[in-house]
């Protein structure tokens, strides 16, 4: 089996198109994950013990369930209840919700790491709760967890091939499609691996730069 350079050049546009959908799904899902994760965390801090436990069990259930069954549920089961979602949208929503349970734990750790004196100072100044969270606690907590949040972005990117299960035209789907048409899988699958490595390395470099930037502020 030899490498076909001409075939490689012919399939690159199709793979780049698949990479575009992979990046779209990853970034959109990540936005959902970081926002919803913060919502989960704040809901866990409500005074109601019952509400706190309900939120905790919901997030634990989502985090403990594999991503593939969740994708199937959103794409194949919800239509039976009258909720029909396109494959890309279903993938984005599922990735976002799934990873929001992980980012919620990251936020929780970041908030717990804020020095106790910060809370005491806010109490002494009689600051409104909105100002305490928006101006004091969250800026410190989020700055502390940026590296971990960045790692989850990379992890989500590497999990995006699972969207193949619901026919999202992402990178691996595109590679399989062109490989099946020509019965040549060496080039497309190898290129998929290389593209994932390149994008992951670039993302890791950006995350490290953010970490150094905020570590000095």
Foldseek 3Di string as FASTA:
>chain_A
DDDDPVVLVVLVVLLVVQAVLLVVLLVLLLVLQLVVLQVLLVQLPDPDPVSNVVSVVVLVVLQPDDLLVQLCCQDPVVVVVVDHDDLSVSSSPSSNSSNSSVSNVLLNVLLVPPDPVLVVVCVVVVPDPVCSCPPPRVVRSCLVRLLVSLVVSLVSSVVSVSSVSVPDSHNVVSLVVVCVVVVNNPSSVVVSVVVSVVVSVVSNVVSVVSNVVSVVD
